Amino acid sequence: MSVLRPFKASDMFKFNNINLDIWTETYGIGFYLSYLSRWPDLCCVQEAPTGRMMGYVLGKAEGSNAEWHGHVTALTVAPEYRRLSLARRMMALLEMVSDEIYKGFFVDLFVRCTNTVAIDMYEGLGYSVYRRVREYYGSLGIGKGGRDEEDAFDMRKPLSRDPNRRSVRPNGREMIVSAHDVS
């Protein structure tokens, strides 16, 4: 049985099996440490009984007024541990903290439009596409001119503070914005 526990700084020495995956965005050490110091309750890991890291989620609280929300910066599970509902458990914890502690109106995240497995999972968790963000993800290879190349879906799930579901829209796939319009 795996354990869902808070993400610790020392976990950064153990997560290569997770981060060496094409779907996983990786960041510098300072980035991870800033999340752990500012939003420790929105960052957790799944750990196997052997101590091997299985997955993690990094989140934060941001926005203002009716746009105050929890944000999923990174959610990833090592390939050998996928399809065990680990991501579902980590998302449930992040959503609960965003709702009950931070009193957010919704939780949002960005996902590559080509990552259909993740999109299906998020939709199964109650998320919907709020908008498509053109050229959100950066260049995937050398020699591409450094130009952003891949679109993302901005997906949202309303929380209890938004009973009228004002933070979501039914036609989100048709709403297209530039990456420069997303703060």
Protein backbone atom coordinates (compact mmCIF):
# COMPACT_ATOMS: atom_id res chain seq x y z
CA MET A 1 0.00 0.00 0.00
CA SER A 2 1.40 3.38 -0.96
CA VAL A 3 1.44 6.41 1.31
CA LEU A 4 0.21 9.88 0.40
CA ARG A 5 2.33 12.33 2.37
CA PRO A 6 3.64 15.91 2.28
CA PHE A 7 6.38 16.65 -0.27
CA LYS A 8 9.72 17.27 1.48
CA ALA A 9 12.80 19.01 0.07
CA SER A 10 14.75 15.74 0.34
CA ASP A 11 12.27 14.13 -2.10
CA MET A 12 14.02 16.04 -4.89
CA PHE A 13 16.87 13.53 -4.54
CA LYS A 14 14.44 10.68 -5.27
CA PHE A 15 12.15 11.80 -8.09
CA ASN A 16 14.20 11.17 -11.23
CA ASN A 17 12.15 8.06 -12.04
CA ILE A 18 9.14 10.39 -12.24
CA ASN A 19 10.66 13.43 -13.93
CA LEU A 20 12.33 11.50 -16.75
CA ASP A 21 9.06 11.25 -18.65
CA ILE A 22 8.02 13.12 -21.82
CA TRP A 23 4.77 14.43 -20.28
CA THR A 24 6.41 15.80 -17.11
CA GLU A 25 7.44 19.44 -16.89
CA THR A 26 10.56 19.78 -14.78
CA TYR A 27 11.82 22.84 -12.95
CA GLY A 28 14.89 24.09 -11.14
CA ILE A 29 15.51 23.35 -7.48
CA GLY A 30 14.61 26.90 -6.46
CA PHE A 31 11.19 26.52 -8.08
CA TYR A 32 10.36 23.38 -6.10
CA LEU A 33 11.67 24.94 -2.88
CA SER A 34 9.56 28.06 -3.36
CA TYR A 35 6.42 25.93 -3.62
CA LEU A 36 7.37 23.86 -0.58
CA SER A 37 7.95 27.00 1.47
CA ARG A 38 4.87 28.96 0.32
CA TRP A 39 2.24 26.22 -0.20
CA PRO A 40 3.43 23.09 1.64
CA ASP A 41 -0.15 21.91 2.14
CA LEU A 42 -0.70 21.88 -1.66
CA CYS A 43 2.36 19.71 -2.39
CA CYS A 44 2.37 15.97 -1.76
CA VAL A 45 3.94 12.72 -2.95
CA GLN A 46 2.86 9.12 -3.32
CA GLU A 47 5.51 6.81 -1.92
CA ALA A 48 5.78 3.03 -2.26
CA PRO A 49 6.43 0.88 0.84
CA THR A 50 10.02 0.54 -0.40
CA GLY A 51 10.47 4.33 -0.23
CA ARG A 52 10.45 4.70 -4.02
CA MET A 53 8.62 7.80 -5.23
CA MET A 54 5.56 6.97 -7.31
CA GLY A 55 4.24 10.45 -8.10
CA TYR A 56 3.79 13.98 -6.87
CA VAL A 57 1.64 17.07 -7.16
CA LEU A 58 2.73 20.71 -6.77
CA GLY A 59 0.04 23.29 -6.26
CA LYS A 60 -0.45 26.87 -5.23
CA ALA A 61 -3.19 29.35 -4.37
CA GLU A 62 -3.47 32.44 -6.56
CA GLY A 63 -5.77 35.08 -8.03
CA SER A 64 -8.03 37.63 -6.42
CA ASN A 65 -11.73 38.10 -5.71
CA ALA A 66 -13.86 35.63 -7.71
CA GLU A 67 -10.69 34.41 -9.47
CA TRP A 68 -9.11 33.20 -6.19
CA HIS A 69 -8.29 29.54 -6.81
CA GLY A 70 -6.06 26.54 -6.35
CA HIS A 71 -3.72 25.83 -9.24
CA VAL A 72 -2.13 22.51 -10.17
CA THR A 73 1.37 23.39 -11.37
CA ALA A 74 2.55 19.81 -11.76
CA LEU A 75 0.92 16.41 -11.39
CA THR A 76 2.86 13.38 -12.46
CA VAL A 77 3.06 9.67 -11.80
CA ALA A 78 6.00 7.46 -12.78
CA PRO A 79 5.10 5.33 -15.83
CA GLU A 80 5.35 2.06 -13.90
CA TYR A 81 2.74 3.27 -11.37
CA ARG A 82 0.12 4.70 -13.71
CA ARG A 83 -3.50 3.54 -13.77
CA LEU A 84 -3.55 2.85 -10.02
CA SER A 85 -5.62 5.96 -9.13
CA LEU A 86 -2.60 7.67 -7.56
CA ALA A 87 -3.20 10.91 -9.50
CA ARG A 88 -6.85 10.82 -8.43
CA ARG A 89 -5.83 10.62 -4.75
CA MET A 90 -3.34 13.47 -5.06
CA MET A 91 -5.87 15.65 -6.90
CA ALA A 92 -8.51 14.94 -4.24
CA LEU A 93 -6.14 16.19 -1.55
CA LEU A 94 -5.21 19.33 -3.51
CA GLU A 95 -8.89 20.07 -4.22
CA MET A 96 -9.86 19.58 -0.58
CA VAL A 97 -7.12 21.94 0.66
CA SER A 98 -7.97 24.50 -2.06
CA ASP A 99 -11.62 24.36 -1.01
CA GLU A 100 -11.47 24.09 2.79
CA ILE A 101 -8.24 25.88 3.70
CA TYR A 102 -7.72 28.43 0.93
CA LYS A 103 -11.45 28.94 0.20
CA GLY A 104 -10.90 29.00 -3.56
CA PHE A 105 -13.67 29.28 -6.11
CA PHE A 106 -12.15 26.63 -8.39
CA VAL A 107 -9.04 24.59 -9.15
CA ASP A 108 -7.36 25.01 -12.52
CA LEU A 109 -4.53 23.40 -14.46
CA PHE A 110 -2.96 23.42 -17.90
CA VAL A 111 -2.57 20.26 -19.96
CA ARG A 112 -1.17 19.66 -23.43
CA CYS A 113 -4.00 19.34 -25.96
CA THR A 114 -2.30 16.18 -27.26
CA ASN A 115 -2.29 14.47 -23.84
CA THR A 116 -5.64 12.77 -24.29
CA VAL A 117 -5.09 10.30 -21.44
CA ALA A 118 -4.64 13.15 -18.95
CA ILE A 119 -7.55 15.13 -20.42
CA ASP A 120 -9.83 12.11 -20.07
CA MET A 121 -8.69 11.62 -16.47
CA TYR A 122 -9.31 15.29 -15.58
CA GLU A 123 -12.75 15.22 -17.22
CA GLY A 124 -13.52 12.10 -15.18
CA LEU A 125 -12.59 14.10 -12.07
CA GLY A 126 -15.08 16.85 -12.97
CA TYR A 127 -12.81 19.29 -14.81
CA SER A 128 -13.86 20.96 -18.04
CA VAL A 129 -12.01 22.99 -20.64
CA TYR A 130 -12.25 26.69 -19.85
CA ARG A 131 -10.20 27.83 -22.86
CA ARG A 132 -7.53 26.74 -25.31
CA VAL A 133 -4.24 28.60 -24.94
CA ARG A 134 -2.28 28.89 -28.18
CA GLU A 135 1.43 28.14 -28.04
CA TYR A 136 1.46 27.67 -24.25
CA TYR A 137 4.15 24.99 -24.13
CA GLY A 138 7.69 25.84 -25.22
CA SER A 139 9.90 24.50 -27.94
CA LEU A 140 10.47 20.75 -27.73
CA GLY A 141 13.70 20.64 -29.66
CA ILE A 142 16.84 22.49 -30.68
CA GLY A 143 16.68 24.38 -33.92
CA LYS A 144 13.00 25.25 -33.64
CA GLY A 145 13.72 28.93 -33.17
CA GLY A 146 12.73 28.97 -29.51
CA ARG A 147 9.13 29.55 -30.54
CA ASP A 148 6.33 28.11 -28.46
CA GLU A 149 4.85 25.16 -30.24
CA GLU A 150 2.07 23.38 -28.45
CA ASP A 151 -1.36 24.49 -27.29
CA ALA A 152 -2.76 23.77 -23.85
CA PHE A 153 -6.22 23.41 -22.44
CA ASP A 154 -6.87 25.51 -19.34
CA MET A 155 -9.15 23.17 -17.37
CA ARG A 156 -11.20 24.09 -14.30
CA LYS A 157 -13.31 22.47 -11.64
CA PRO A 158 -15.60 24.61 -9.48
CA LEU A 159 -15.39 24.25 -5.71
CA SER A 160 -18.04 24.72 -3.03
CA ARG A 161 -17.58 28.50 -2.99
CA ASP A 162 -18.86 28.57 -6.60
CA PRO A 163 -22.27 26.82 -6.38
CA ASN A 164 -23.50 28.58 -9.54
CA ARG A 165 -20.47 27.33 -11.51
CA ARG A 166 -19.47 30.81 -12.71
CA SER A 167 -15.82 29.72 -12.97
CA VAL A 168 -16.53 27.30 -15.83
CA ARG A 169 -18.10 27.59 -19.27
CA PRO A 170 -19.77 25.06 -21.58
CA ASN A 171 -17.91 26.04 -24.78
CA GLY A 172 -14.32 26.23 -23.50
CA ARG A 173 -12.76 24.37 -26.43
CA GLU A 174 -14.03 27.13 -28.72
CA MET A 175 -12.52 29.93 -26.58
CA ILE A 176 -9.01 30.47 -27.95
CA VAL A 177 -6.52 32.88 -26.40
CA SER A 178 -2.82 33.61 -26.83
CA ALA A 179 -0.30 32.44 -24.27
CA HIS A 180 0.51 36.12 -23.74
CA ASP A 181 -3.07 36.67 -22.51
CA VAL A 182 -2.66 34.13 -19.70
CA SER A 183 -1.12 35.45 -16.51
